[in-house]
Amino acid sequence: MGRLLVVATPIGNLDDLSTRAREALASAAVVYCEDTRRTGNLFARFGLTTPRVSCHGHNEHHRVGEALERLARGETLALVSDAGTPLVSDPGERLVAAAAAAGHQVEAIPGPSAVLAILSVSGFPAVPFTFLGFPPSRRGERDRWYASNASRPGTAVLFESPFRIVESLEALARAWGDPPVVLGRELTKMHEEVLRGKASEVARILAARPGIKGEIVLAAAD
């Protein structure tokens, strides 16, 4: 039987790639990538030459059959997302589920995760916490989404686009009673920033800027 390695990759700083992850990517027959170009930057940094194949939300269902054939031949495959731990708001669920259902070994190569990174620096209780992924992009749906998650237990962690973060924080403040939040922008990168305060306060700070860029992850207290 084959092996599917689910490999965590850096969320920003490429030096966060573990030795084990590097060896896994080097030894695999092929690496299934959310975006082959993004993963190509990582490969160039470490001199990796393993063939890369795209596996994203639009083509994952087509890749499953191909991957199962490779696994049936006893090959070792690797799965990565653009950054962080695969399947955490990233593609790969179908591939992992199909490999496991077919009896192949599915092995985690753990490492960076934006969810755990923001949780670890938030100072909020980590047990329990709920990861909510991305809020809907449309205002009405987003407002209803926040309202439906208002009674969630413990700390909430979510992702958001820099283009919608101000409106999203305002919606969060209305629905959740303006809780303390910790916002991480560009974590582990050169321009890393962590903002703390009430959701409405952080929204005002960001709204005063001429523009907002970068990957954003947010933790909100219960």
N, C-alpha and C. Protein backbone atom coordinates (compact mmCIF):
# COMPACT_ATOMS: atom_id res chain seq x y z
N MET A 1 0.84 -1.20 0.00
CA MET A 1 0.00 0.00 0.00
C MET A 1 0.87 1.24 0.00
N GLY A 2 0.30 2.35 -0.42
CA GLY A 2 1.06 3.59 -0.50
C GLY A 2 0.95 4.41 0.76
N ARG A 3 1.63 5.55 0.74
CA ARG A 3 1.62 6.49 1.87
C ARG A 3 1.30 7.88 1.35
N LEU A 4 0.43 8.57 2.06
CA LEU A 4 0.13 9.98 1.77
C LEU A 4 0.63 10.80 2.96
N LEU A 5 1.60 11.67 2.70
CA LEU A 5 2.17 12.52 3.73
C LEU A 5 1.51 13.90 3.67
N VAL A 6 0.87 14.30 4.74
CA VAL A 6 0.22 15.61 4.82
C VAL A 6 1.22 16.55 5.51
N VAL A 7 1.82 17.43 4.71
CA VAL A 7 3.00 18.16 5.15
C VAL A 7 2.68 19.63 5.43
N ALA A 8 2.96 20.07 6.64
CA ALA A 8 2.80 21.49 6.99
C ALA A 8 4.01 22.27 6.48
N THR A 9 3.75 23.42 5.89
CA THR A 9 4.81 24.28 5.35
C THR A 9 4.72 25.66 6.00
N PRO A 10 5.76 26.49 5.88
CA PRO A 10 5.78 27.79 6.57
C PRO A 10 4.60 28.69 6.21
N ILE A 11 4.17 29.48 7.18
CA ILE A 11 3.12 30.47 6.93
C ILE A 11 3.71 31.80 6.49
N GLY A 12 5.02 31.90 6.46
CA GLY A 12 5.66 33.13 6.02
C GLY A 12 7.16 32.98 5.95
N ASN A 13 7.77 32.75 7.09
CA ASN A 13 9.22 32.60 7.19
C ASN A 13 9.61 31.20 6.73
N LEU A 14 10.31 31.12 5.58
CA LEU A 14 10.64 29.82 5.00
C LEU A 14 11.56 29.00 5.89
N ASP A 15 12.28 29.66 6.80
CA ASP A 15 13.15 28.92 7.70
C ASP A 15 12.37 28.08 8.70
N ASP A 16 11.05 28.24 8.75
CA ASP A 16 10.23 27.44 9.65
C ASP A 16 9.94 26.05 9.10
N LEU A 17 10.39 25.74 7.87
CA LEU A 17 10.19 24.40 7.34
C LEU A 17 11.06 23.44 8.14
N SER A 18 10.45 22.39 8.69
CA SER A 18 11.21 21.46 9.52
C SER A 18 12.08 20.55 8.66
N THR A 19 13.09 19.98 9.29
CA THR A 19 13.94 19.02 8.60
C THR A 19 13.13 17.83 8.11
N ARG A 20 12.23 17.36 8.95
CA ARG A 20 11.39 16.22 8.58
C ARG A 20 10.50 16.54 7.38
N ALA A 21 9.93 17.76 7.38
CA ALA A 21 9.08 18.16 6.25
C ALA A 21 9.90 18.26 4.97
N ARG A 22 11.08 18.81 5.06
CA ARG A 22 11.95 18.91 3.88
C ARG A 22 12.28 17.53 3.34
N GLU A 23 12.60 16.60 4.21
CA GLU A 23 12.92 15.24 3.78
C GLU A 23 11.69 14.56 3.17
N ALA A 24 10.51 14.83 3.72
CA ALA A 24 9.29 14.23 3.18
C ALA A 24 9.02 14.74 1.77
N LEU A 25 9.20 16.03 1.55
CA LEU A 25 8.97 16.60 0.23
C LEU A 25 10.00 16.10 -0.78
N ALA A 26 11.21 15.89 -0.31
CA ALA A 26 12.27 15.42 -1.20
C ALA A 26 12.08 13.96 -1.59
N SER A 27 11.52 13.16 -0.69
CA SER A 27 11.43 11.72 -0.92
C SER A 27 10.14 11.29 -1.61
N ALA A 28 9.15 12.14 -1.67
CA ALA A 28 7.87 11.78 -2.28
C ALA A 28 8.01 11.62 -3.79
N ALA A 29 7.14 10.79 -4.37
CA ALA A 29 7.13 10.63 -5.82
C ALA A 29 6.56 11.87 -6.51
N VAL A 30 5.62 12.51 -5.85
CA VAL A 30 5.00 13.72 -6.37
C VAL A 30 4.44 14.50 -5.19
N VAL A 31 4.36 15.81 -5.34
CA VAL A 31 3.78 16.67 -4.30
C VAL A 31 2.53 17.34 -4.88
N TYR A 32 1.40 17.11 -4.24
CA TYR A 32 0.15 17.76 -4.63
C TYR A 32 0.08 19.11 -3.91
N CYS A 33 -0.07 20.18 -4.71
CA CYS A 33 0.04 21.55 -4.19
C CYS A 33 -1.24 22.34 -4.45
N GLU A 34 -1.60 23.18 -3.50
CA GLU A 34 -2.71 24.10 -3.73
C GLU A 34 -2.39 25.02 -4.90
N ASP A 35 -1.15 25.51 -4.96
CA ASP A 35 -0.67 26.35 -6.07
C ASP A 35 0.78 25.97 -6.32
N THR A 36 1.07 25.39 -7.47
CA THR A 36 2.43 24.92 -7.75
C THR A 36 3.44 26.05 -7.77
N ARG A 37 2.98 27.26 -8.12
CA ARG A 37 3.91 28.41 -8.15
C ARG A 37 4.32 28.82 -6.74
N ARG A 38 3.36 28.86 -5.84
CA ARG A 38 3.68 29.22 -4.45
C ARG A 38 4.62 28.18 -3.84
N THR A 39 4.30 26.92 -4.06
CA THR A 39 5.17 25.86 -3.54
C THR A 39 6.52 25.89 -4.24
N GLY A 40 6.55 26.35 -5.49
CA GLY A 40 7.80 26.46 -6.22
C GLY A 40 8.79 27.38 -5.53
N ASN A 41 8.30 28.44 -4.90
CA ASN A 41 9.19 29.35 -4.16
C ASN A 41 9.87 28.62 -3.01
N LEU A 42 9.11 27.79 -2.33
CA LEU A 42 9.66 26.99 -1.23
C LEU A 42 10.68 25.99 -1.76
N PHE A 43 10.34 25.34 -2.86
CA PHE A 43 11.26 24.37 -3.44
C PHE A 43 12.57 25.03 -3.88
N ALA A 44 12.47 26.21 -4.45
CA ALA A 44 13.68 26.91 -4.89
C ALA A 44 14.57 27.25 -3.71
N ARG A 45 13.94 27.64 -2.59
CA ARG A 45 14.71 28.01 -1.39
C ARG A 45 15.53 26.83 -0.87
N PHE A 46 14.99 25.61 -0.97
CA PHE A 46 15.66 24.45 -0.40
C PHE A 46 16.20 23.48 -1.45
N GLY A 47 16.16 23.87 -2.70
CA GLY A 47 16.72 23.04 -3.76
C GLY A 47 15.97 21.75 -3.99
N LEU A 48 14.66 21.75 -3.78
CA LEU A 48 13.84 20.56 -3.97
C LEU A 48 13.41 20.43 -5.43
N THR A 49 13.42 19.22 -5.94
CA THR A 49 13.10 19.00 -7.36
C THR A 49 11.96 18.01 -7.58
N THR A 50 11.29 17.59 -6.55
CA THR A 50 10.18 16.64 -6.67
C THR A 50 9.10 17.22 -7.60
N PRO A 51 8.55 16.42 -8.51
CA PRO A 51 7.48 16.92 -9.38
C PRO A 51 6.31 17.46 -8.55
N ARG A 52 5.74 18.57 -9.02
CA ARG A 52 4.61 19.21 -8.35
C ARG A 52 3.38 19.14 -9.24
N VAL A 53 2.24 18.84 -8.64
CA VAL A 53 0.97 18.75 -9.36
C VAL A 53 -0.05 19.59 -8.60
N SER A 54 -0.84 20.38 -9.31
CA SER A 54 -1.84 21.22 -8.64
C SER A 54 -2.97 20.37 -8.08
N CYS A 55 -3.42 20.75 -6.92
CA CYS A 55 -4.58 20.10 -6.28
C CYS A 55 -5.28 21.16 -5.46
N HIS A 56 -6.25 21.82 -6.08
CA HIS A 56 -6.94 22.93 -5.43
C HIS A 56 -8.45 22.69 -5.43
N GLY A 57 -9.18 23.67 -4.97
CA GLY A 57 -10.61 23.48 -4.80
C GLY A 57 -11.37 23.17 -6.08
N HIS A 58 -10.82 23.58 -7.22
CA HIS A 58 -11.52 23.39 -8.49
C HIS A 58 -11.18 22.08 -9.19
N ASN A 59 -10.08 21.44 -8.81
CA ASN A 59 -9.69 20.22 -9.52
C ASN A 59 -9.42 19.03 -8.61
N GLU A 60 -9.62 19.20 -7.31
CA GLU A 60 -9.27 18.13 -6.38
C GLU A 60 -10.02 16.84 -6.70
N HIS A 61 -11.30 16.93 -7.10
CA HIS A 61 -12.07 15.72 -7.38
C HIS A 61 -11.49 14.95 -8.56
N HIS A 62 -10.80 15.65 -9.48
CA HIS A 62 -10.15 14.97 -10.60
C HIS A 62 -8.84 14.32 -10.18
N ARG A 63 -8.19 14.88 -9.17
CA ARG A 63 -6.88 14.37 -8.74
C ARG A 63 -6.99 13.10 -7.89
N VAL A 64 -8.14 12.88 -7.28
CA VAL A 64 -8.27 11.76 -6.35
C VAL A 64 -8.00 10.42 -7.04
N GLY A 65 -8.61 10.21 -8.20
CA GLY A 65 -8.42 8.94 -8.89
C GLY A 65 -6.97 8.71 -9.26
N GLU A 66 -6.33 9.73 -9.77
CA GLU A 66 -4.91 9.63 -10.12
C GLU A 66 -4.06 9.30 -8.91
N ALA A 67 -4.34 9.98 -7.79
CA ALA A 67 -3.56 9.75 -6.57
C ALA A 67 -3.77 8.33 -6.06
N LEU A 68 -5.00 7.84 -6.12
CA LEU A 68 -5.28 6.48 -5.65
C LEU A 68 -4.54 5.45 -6.50
N GLU A 69 -4.44 5.70 -7.79
CA GLU A 69 -3.68 4.79 -8.66
C GLU A 69 -2.21 4.76 -8.25
N ARG A 70 -1.66 5.92 -7.97
CA ARG A 70 -0.26 6.00 -7.54
C ARG A 70 -0.08 5.28 -6.20
N LEU A 71 -0.99 5.51 -5.29
CA LEU A 71 -0.89 4.87 -3.98
C LEU A 71 -1.01 3.36 -4.10
N ALA A 72 -1.87 2.91 -4.99
CA ALA A 72 -2.04 1.47 -5.19
C ALA A 72 -0.76 0.83 -5.72
N ARG A 73 0.08 1.61 -6.39
CA ARG A 73 1.37 1.10 -6.88
C ARG A 73 2.44 1.15 -5.78
N GLY A 74 2.03 1.62 -4.59
CA GLY A 74 2.97 1.66 -3.48
C GLY A 74 3.78 2.93 -3.39
N GLU A 75 3.39 3.97 -4.11
CA GLU A 75 4.14 5.22 -4.09
C GLU A 75 3.87 6.01 -2.82
N THR A 76 4.80 6.89 -2.49
CA THR A 76 4.63 7.84 -1.39
C THR A 76 4.33 9.20 -2.00
N LEU A 77 3.21 9.79 -1.62
CA LEU A 77 2.78 11.09 -2.13
C LEU A 77 2.80 12.10 -0.98
N ALA A 78 2.96 13.37 -1.33
CA ALA A 78 2.91 14.44 -0.33
C ALA A 78 1.82 15.43 -0.72
N LEU A 79 1.20 16.01 0.27
CA LEU A 79 0.16 17.03 0.07
C LEU A 79 0.54 18.27 0.86
N VAL A 80 0.53 19.43 0.19
CA VAL A 80 0.81 20.70 0.86
C VAL A 80 -0.23 21.73 0.45
N SER A 81 -0.42 22.74 1.28
CA SER A 81 -1.21 23.90 0.91
C SER A 81 -0.26 25.05 0.62
N ASP A 82 -0.80 26.22 0.31
CA ASP A 82 0.08 27.36 0.03
C ASP A 82 0.92 27.72 1.25
N ALA A 83 0.35 27.56 2.42
CA ALA A 83 1.06 27.90 3.65
C ALA A 83 0.37 27.23 4.82
N GLY A 84 1.16 26.81 5.79
CA GLY A 84 0.60 26.23 7.00
C GLY A 84 0.23 24.77 6.85
N THR A 85 -0.72 24.34 7.67
CA THR A 85 -1.13 22.94 7.72
C THR A 85 -2.28 22.68 6.75
N PRO A 86 -2.12 21.71 5.83
CA PRO A 86 -3.19 21.43 4.86
C PRO A 86 -4.51 21.09 5.53
N LEU A 87 -5.59 21.32 4.77
CA LEU A 87 -6.98 21.04 5.15
C LEU A 87 -7.56 22.04 6.14
N VAL A 88 -6.76 22.95 6.69
CA VAL A 88 -7.28 23.96 7.61
C VAL A 88 -7.69 25.17 6.77
N SER A 89 -8.94 25.16 6.29
CA SER A 89 -9.45 26.13 5.32
C SER A 89 -8.69 26.06 4.01
N ASP A 90 -8.17 24.90 3.68
CA ASP A 90 -7.44 24.67 2.44
C ASP A 90 -7.92 23.36 1.82
N PRO A 91 -7.64 23.14 0.52
CA PRO A 91 -8.05 21.89 -0.13
C PRO A 91 -7.33 20.67 0.46
N GLY A 92 -7.80 19.49 0.08
CA GLY A 92 -7.14 18.26 0.46
C GLY A 92 -8.03 17.26 1.17
N GLU A 93 -9.19 17.68 1.63
CA GLU A 93 -10.05 16.80 2.42
C GLU A 93 -10.46 15.56 1.62
N ARG A 94 -10.86 15.76 0.35
CA ARG A 94 -11.28 14.62 -0.47
C ARG A 94 -10.14 13.64 -0.67
N LEU A 95 -8.95 14.17 -0.93
CA LEU A 95 -7.80 13.31 -1.18
C LEU A 95 -7.44 12.50 0.06
N VAL A 96 -7.39 13.15 1.21
CA VAL A 96 -7.06 12.46 2.45
C VAL A 96 -8.12 11.41 2.78
N ALA A 97 -9.39 11.78 2.66
CA ALA A 97 -10.47 10.85 2.98
C ALA A 97 -10.44 9.63 2.05
N ALA A 98 -10.20 9.86 0.76
CA ALA A 98 -10.18 8.77 -0.20
C ALA A 98 -8.99 7.84 0.06
N ALA A 99 -7.83 8.41 0.36
CA ALA A 99 -6.65 7.59 0.65
C ALA A 99 -6.87 6.73 1.89
N ALA A 100 -7.43 7.33 2.92
CA ALA A 100 -7.69 6.58 4.15
C ALA A 100 -8.72 5.49 3.93
N ALA A 101 -9.79 5.80 3.18
CA ALA A 101 -10.85 4.83 2.93
C ALA A 101 -10.33 3.64 2.13
N ALA A 102 -9.33 3.89 1.28
CA ALA A 102 -8.75 2.82 0.46
C ALA A 102 -7.72 2.00 1.23
N GLY A 103 -7.48 2.36 2.47
CA GLY A 103 -6.58 1.59 3.32
C GLY A 103 -5.12 1.99 3.25
N HIS A 104 -4.84 3.12 2.63
CA HIS A 104 -3.45 3.58 2.54
C HIS A 104 -3.07 4.31 3.83
N GLN A 105 -1.79 4.38 4.10
CA GLN A 105 -1.29 5.07 5.29
C GLN A 105 -1.34 6.57 5.04
N VAL A 106 -1.97 7.29 5.92
CA VAL A 106 -2.00 8.76 5.87
C VAL A 106 -1.24 9.27 7.09
N GLU A 107 -0.18 10.01 6.85
CA GLU A 107 0.73 10.40 7.91
C GLU A 107 0.87 11.92 7.97
N ALA A 108 0.75 12.48 9.15
CA ALA A 108 0.92 13.93 9.35
C ALA A 108 2.39 14.26 9.56
N ILE A 109 2.85 15.27 8.83
CA ILE A 109 4.17 15.86 9.08
C ILE A 109 3.87 17.25 9.63
N PRO A 110 3.71 17.37 10.96
CA PRO A 110 3.18 18.62 11.54
C PRO A 110 4.18 19.77 11.48
N GLY A 111 3.62 20.95 11.65
CA GLY A 111 4.47 22.14 11.60
C GLY A 111 3.64 23.40 11.74
N PRO A 112 4.00 24.46 11.02
CA PRO A 112 3.36 25.77 11.20
C PRO A 112 1.85 25.76 10.97
N SER A 113 1.16 26.59 11.74
CA SER A 113 -0.28 26.77 11.60
C SER A 113 -0.62 28.18 12.09
N ALA A 114 -1.24 28.97 11.23
CA ALA A 114 -1.62 30.32 11.64
C ALA A 114 -2.62 30.29 12.78
N VAL A 115 -3.49 29.26 12.79
CA VAL A 115 -4.49 29.13 13.86
C VAL A 115 -3.80 29.01 15.21
N LEU A 116 -2.84 28.10 15.31
CA LEU A 116 -2.16 27.89 16.58
C LEU A 116 -1.21 29.04 16.90
N ALA A 117 -0.66 29.67 15.87
CA ALA A 117 0.24 30.80 16.11
C ALA A 117 -0.48 31.94 16.81
N ILE A 118 -1.68 32.32 16.31
CA ILE A 118 -2.39 33.43 16.93
C ILE A 118 -2.93 33.03 18.29
N LEU A 119 -3.34 31.77 18.42
CA LEU A 119 -3.84 31.31 19.71
C LEU A 119 -2.75 31.36 20.76
N SER A 120 -1.52 31.02 20.37
CA SER A 120 -0.42 30.95 21.32
C SER A 120 0.01 32.32 21.83
N VAL A 121 -0.22 33.38 21.05
CA VAL A 121 0.19 34.72 21.49
C VAL A 121 -0.99 35.55 21.97
N SER A 122 -2.21 35.00 21.89
CA SER A 122 -3.39 35.80 22.24
C SER A 122 -3.52 36.06 23.73
N GLY A 123 -3.12 35.09 24.55
CA GLY A 123 -3.37 35.20 25.98
C GLY A 123 -4.77 34.80 26.36
N PHE A 124 -5.57 34.35 25.37
CA PHE A 124 -6.93 33.88 25.65
C PHE A 124 -6.89 32.39 25.98
N PRO A 125 -7.90 31.89 26.68
CA PRO A 125 -7.95 30.44 26.97
C PRO A 125 -7.93 29.62 25.68
N ALA A 126 -7.08 28.62 25.66
CA ALA A 126 -6.96 27.77 24.48
C ALA A 126 -7.84 26.53 24.56
N VAL A 127 -8.46 26.32 25.70
CA VAL A 127 -9.35 25.17 25.88
C VAL A 127 -10.64 25.63 26.52
N PRO A 128 -11.78 25.55 25.80
CA PRO A 128 -11.84 25.13 24.40
C PRO A 128 -11.62 26.32 23.48
N PHE A 129 -11.30 26.02 22.21
CA PHE A 129 -11.33 27.06 21.20
C PHE A 129 -12.02 26.49 19.97
N THR A 130 -12.57 27.40 19.16
CA THR A 130 -13.29 27.01 17.96
C THR A 130 -12.67 27.70 16.76
N PHE A 131 -12.32 26.92 15.74
CA PHE A 131 -11.83 27.51 14.50
C PHE A 131 -12.99 27.63 13.53
N LEU A 132 -13.24 28.84 13.05
CA LEU A 132 -14.42 29.12 12.24
C LEU A 132 -14.12 29.32 10.76
N GLY A 133 -12.85 29.31 10.37
CA GLY A 133 -12.53 29.51 8.96
C GLY A 133 -12.77 30.94 8.53
N PHE A 134 -13.19 31.13 7.29
CA PHE A 134 -13.46 32.46 6.73
C PHE A 134 -14.95 32.81 6.87
N PRO A 135 -15.27 34.01 7.33
CA PRO A 135 -16.66 34.47 7.27
C PRO A 135 -17.09 34.64 5.82
N PRO A 136 -18.39 34.61 5.54
CA PRO A 136 -18.87 34.89 4.18
C PRO A 136 -18.43 36.26 3.71
N SER A 137 -18.27 36.42 2.41
CA SER A 137 -17.78 37.70 1.88
C SER A 137 -18.88 38.75 1.76
N ARG A 138 -20.14 38.33 1.62
CA ARG A 138 -21.23 39.29 1.47
C ARG A 138 -21.72 39.76 2.84
N ARG A 139 -22.04 41.05 2.89
CA ARG A 139 -22.35 41.66 4.19
C ARG A 139 -23.50 40.98 4.92
N GLY A 140 -24.63 40.79 4.26
CA GLY A 140 -25.77 40.18 4.93
C GLY A 140 -25.48 38.78 5.42
N GLU A 141 -24.84 37.98 4.57
CA GLU A 141 -24.48 36.61 4.97
C GLU A 141 -23.47 36.63 6.11
N ARG A 142 -22.55 37.59 6.06
CA ARG A 142 -21.54 37.69 7.11
C ARG A 142 -22.19 38.06 8.44
N ASP A 143 -23.12 39.00 8.42
CA ASP A 143 -23.81 39.39 9.66
C ASP A 143 -24.55 38.20 10.26
N ARG A 144 -25.23 37.43 9.41
CA ARG A 144 -25.95 36.26 9.91
C ARG A 144 -24.98 35.19 10.43
N TRP A 145 -23.84 35.07 9.77
CA TRP A 145 -22.83 34.09 10.18
C TRP A 145 -22.30 34.42 11.58
N TYR A 146 -21.98 35.69 11.80
CA TYR A 146 -21.52 36.09 13.13
C TYR A 146 -22.61 35.88 14.18
N ALA A 147 -23.85 36.20 13.83
CA ALA A 147 -24.94 36.01 14.78
C ALA A 147 -25.11 34.53 15.13
N SER A 148 -24.95 33.66 14.14
CA SER A 148 -25.13 32.23 14.39
C SER A 148 -24.01 31.64 15.23
N ASN A 149 -22.87 32.31 15.27
CA ASN A 149 -21.73 31.83 16.05
C ASN A 149 -21.54 32.59 17.36
N ALA A 150 -22.52 33.40 17.72
CA ALA A 150 -22.39 34.24 18.91
C ALA A 150 -22.30 33.43 20.19
N SER A 151 -22.91 32.25 20.23
CA SER A 151 -22.93 31.47 21.46
C SER A 151 -21.87 30.37 21.47
N ARG A 152 -20.89 30.47 20.55
CA ARG A 152 -19.85 29.44 20.53
C ARG A 152 -19.06 29.45 21.84
N PRO A 153 -18.61 28.27 22.30
CA PRO A 153 -17.87 28.23 23.57
C PRO A 153 -16.40 28.60 23.39
N GLY A 154 -15.84 29.27 24.36
CA GLY A 154 -14.41 29.53 24.38
C GLY A 154 -13.94 30.54 23.35
N THR A 155 -12.64 30.51 23.10
CA THR A 155 -12.00 31.43 22.16
C THR A 155 -12.35 31.03 20.73
N ALA A 156 -12.59 32.03 19.88
CA ALA A 156 -12.85 31.79 18.46
C ALA A 156 -11.65 32.26 17.66
N VAL A 157 -11.28 31.49 16.65
CA VAL A 157 -10.20 31.86 15.74
C VAL A 157 -10.76 31.82 14.32
N LEU A 158 -10.45 32.84 13.55
CA LEU A 158 -10.95 32.88 12.18
C LEU A 158 -9.95 33.58 11.27
N PHE A 159 -10.11 33.35 9.98
CA PHE A 159 -9.33 34.03 8.95
C PHE A 159 -10.19 35.12 8.33
N GLU A 160 -9.55 36.14 7.77
CA GLU A 160 -10.30 37.16 7.05
C GLU A 160 -9.40 37.84 6.01
N SER A 161 -10.02 38.30 4.96
CA SER A 161 -9.32 39.03 3.90
C SER A 161 -8.97 40.43 4.39
N PRO A 162 -7.80 40.96 3.99
CA PRO A 162 -7.47 42.34 4.38
C PRO A 162 -8.45 43.36 3.80
N PHE A 163 -9.13 42.99 2.72
CA PHE A 163 -10.09 43.91 2.09
C PHE A 163 -11.42 43.97 2.83
N ARG A 164 -11.67 42.99 3.70
CA ARG A 164 -12.95 42.94 4.42
C ARG A 164 -12.79 42.99 5.93
N ILE A 165 -11.57 43.09 6.42
CA ILE A 165 -11.35 42.93 7.85
C ILE A 165 -12.03 44.01 8.68
N VAL A 166 -12.07 45.24 8.21
CA VAL A 166 -12.70 46.31 9.00
C VAL A 166 -14.19 46.04 9.16
N GLU A 167 -14.88 45.78 8.05
CA GLU A 167 -16.32 45.49 8.12
C GLU A 167 -16.58 44.22 8.93
N SER A 168 -15.68 43.26 8.81
CA SER A 168 -15.85 42.00 9.55
C SER A 168 -15.71 42.23 11.05
N LEU A 169 -14.74 43.02 11.46
CA LEU A 169 -14.57 43.33 12.88
C LEU A 169 -15.78 44.10 13.41
N GLU A 170 -16.32 44.99 12.61
CA GLU A 170 -17.51 45.74 13.04
C GLU A 170 -18.71 44.81 13.22
N ALA A 171 -18.85 43.86 12.30
CA ALA A 171 -19.94 42.88 12.42
C ALA A 171 -19.74 42.00 13.64
N LEU A 172 -18.49 41.59 13.88
CA LEU A 172 -18.17 40.78 15.06
C LEU A 172 -18.51 41.55 16.33
N ALA A 173 -18.15 42.82 16.37
CA ALA A 173 -18.41 43.63 17.56
C ALA A 173 -19.90 43.72 17.85
N ARG A 174 -20.70 43.90 16.81
CA ARG A 174 -22.16 43.99 17.00
C ARG A 174 -22.74 42.67 17.49
N ALA A 175 -22.32 41.58 16.88
CA ALA A 175 -22.94 40.28 17.17
C ALA A 175 -22.44 39.65 18.45
N TRP A 176 -21.19 39.92 18.81
CA TRP A 176 -20.58 39.22 19.94
C TRP A 176 -20.34 40.14 21.15
N GLY A 177 -20.90 41.33 21.14
CA GLY A 177 -20.78 42.21 22.29
C GLY A 177 -19.42 42.88 22.41
N ASP A 178 -18.77 43.11 21.29
CA ASP A 178 -17.47 43.82 21.24
C ASP A 178 -16.42 43.20 22.18
N PRO A 179 -16.07 41.93 21.95
CA PRO A 179 -15.11 41.26 22.83
C PRO A 179 -13.69 41.69 22.56
N PRO A 180 -12.75 41.40 23.47
CA PRO A 180 -11.33 41.60 23.18
C PRO A 180 -10.90 40.67 22.05
N VAL A 181 -10.07 41.20 21.17
CA VAL A 181 -9.55 40.39 20.07
C VAL A 181 -8.04 40.58 19.96
N VAL A 182 -7.40 39.62 19.31
CA VAL A 182 -5.99 39.75 18.95
C VAL A 182 -5.91 39.43 17.47
N LEU A 183 -5.42 40.39 16.71
CA LEU A 183 -5.33 40.25 15.26
C LEU A 183 -3.88 40.11 14.86
N GLY A 184 -3.58 39.06 14.09
CA GLY A 184 -2.24 38.84 13.56
C GLY A 184 -2.23 39.09 12.07
N ARG A 185 -1.32 39.94 11.64
CA ARG A 185 -1.17 40.23 10.21
C ARG A 185 0.25 39.90 9.79
N GLU A 186 0.38 39.11 8.72
CA GLU A 186 1.71 38.74 8.20
C GLU A 186 2.56 38.04 9.26
N LEU A 187 1.97 37.14 10.00
CA LEU A 187 2.70 36.44 11.06
C LEU A 187 3.92 35.72 10.51
N THR A 188 5.02 35.84 11.21
CA THR A 188 6.35 35.27 10.92
C THR A 188 7.06 35.97 9.77
N LYS A 189 6.44 36.96 9.14
CA LYS A 189 7.07 37.66 8.02
C LYS A 189 7.74 38.95 8.50
N MET A 190 8.40 39.62 7.58
CA MET A 190 9.16 40.82 7.92
C MET A 190 8.28 41.90 8.54
N HIS A 191 7.06 42.05 8.04
CA HIS A 191 6.17 43.11 8.52
C HIS A 191 5.10 42.57 9.46
N GLU A 192 5.45 41.57 10.24
CA GLU A 192 4.51 41.00 11.20
C GLU A 192 3.95 42.07 12.13
N GLU A 193 2.65 41.95 12.40
CA GLU A 193 1.99 42.91 13.29
C GLU A 193 0.94 42.17 14.11
N VAL A 194 0.86 42.49 15.39
CA VAL A 194 -0.17 41.93 16.27
C VAL A 194 -0.87 43.11 16.95
N LEU A 195 -2.18 43.20 16.75
CA LEU A 195 -2.99 44.27 17.34
C LEU A 195 -3.91 43.68 18.40
N ARG A 196 -4.05 44.39 19.52
CA ARG A 196 -4.88 43.93 20.63
C ARG A 196 -5.86 45.03 21.04
N GLY A 197 -7.05 44.63 21.43
CA GLY A 197 -8.04 45.58 21.91
C GLY A 197 -9.43 45.05 21.65
N LYS A 198 -10.43 45.86 21.99
CA LYS A 198 -11.80 45.50 21.65
C LYS A 198 -11.93 45.43 20.13
N ALA A 199 -12.86 44.61 19.66
CA ALA A 199 -13.03 44.46 18.21
C ALA A 199 -13.27 45.80 17.53
N SER A 200 -14.10 46.65 18.14
CA SER A 200 -14.39 47.96 17.54
C SER A 200 -13.15 48.85 17.53
N GLU A 201 -12.30 48.73 18.54
CA GLU A 201 -11.06 49.52 18.59
C GLU A 201 -10.10 49.12 17.50
N VAL A 202 -9.92 47.82 17.33
CA VAL A 202 -9.02 47.35 16.28
C VAL A 202 -9.57 47.72 14.91
N ALA A 203 -10.88 47.68 14.75
CA ALA A 203 -11.50 48.09 13.49
C ALA A 203 -11.19 49.55 13.19
N ARG A 204 -11.26 50.41 14.20
CA ARG A 204 -10.97 51.83 13.99
C ARG A 204 -9.50 52.06 13.63
N ILE A 205 -8.61 51.33 14.26
CA ILE A 205 -7.19 51.45 13.95
C ILE A 205 -6.93 51.12 12.48
N LEU A 206 -7.51 50.03 12.03
CA LEU A 206 -7.30 49.60 10.64
C LEU A 206 -8.01 50.52 9.65
N ALA A 207 -9.20 51.00 10.02
CA ALA A 207 -9.96 51.87 9.12
C ALA A 207 -9.24 53.18 8.87
N ALA A 208 -8.40 53.61 9.79
CA ALA A 208 -7.67 54.87 9.64
C ALA A 208 -6.49 54.76 8.68
N ARG A 209 -6.15 53.57 8.28
CA ARG A 209 -5.00 53.37 7.39
C ARG A 209 -5.42 53.54 5.93
N PRO A 210 -4.48 53.97 5.09
CA PRO A 210 -4.82 54.13 3.67
C PRO A 210 -5.07 52.80 2.96
N GLY A 211 -4.54 51.72 3.50
CA GLY A 211 -4.74 50.40 2.91
C GLY A 211 -4.26 49.33 3.86
N ILE A 212 -4.77 48.14 3.69
CA ILE A 212 -4.40 47.00 4.54
C ILE A 212 -3.96 45.86 3.64
N LYS A 213 -2.82 45.30 3.92
CA LYS A 213 -2.29 44.20 3.12
C LYS A 213 -1.91 43.03 4.02
N GLY A 214 -1.80 41.86 3.41
CA GLY A 214 -1.26 40.70 4.11
C GLY A 214 -2.29 39.71 4.59
N GLU A 215 -1.78 38.57 5.02
CA GLU A 215 -2.61 37.50 5.55
C GLU A 215 -3.04 37.85 6.98
N ILE A 216 -4.32 37.63 7.29
CA ILE A 216 -4.85 38.01 8.60
C ILE A 216 -5.50 36.82 9.29
N VAL A 217 -5.18 36.66 10.57
CA VAL A 217 -5.84 35.68 11.42
C VAL A 217 -6.25 36.39 12.70
N LEU A 218 -7.41 36.03 13.22
CA LEU A 218 -8.00 36.76 14.33
C LEU A 218 -8.43 35.80 15.43
N ALA A 219 -8.13 36.14 16.68
CA ALA A 219 -8.65 35.41 17.85
C ALA A 219 -9.56 36.35 18.62
N ALA A 220 -10.69 35.84 19.05
CA ALA A 220 -11.65 36.62 19.82
C ALA A 220 -11.97 35.89 21.11
N ALA A 221 -11.94 36.62 22.22
CA ALA A 221 -12.22 36.02 23.52
C ALA A 221 -13.70 35.71 23.64
N ASP A 222 -14.02 34.79 24.53
CA ASP A 222 -15.40 34.40 24.80
C ASP A 222 -16.12 35.56 25.46
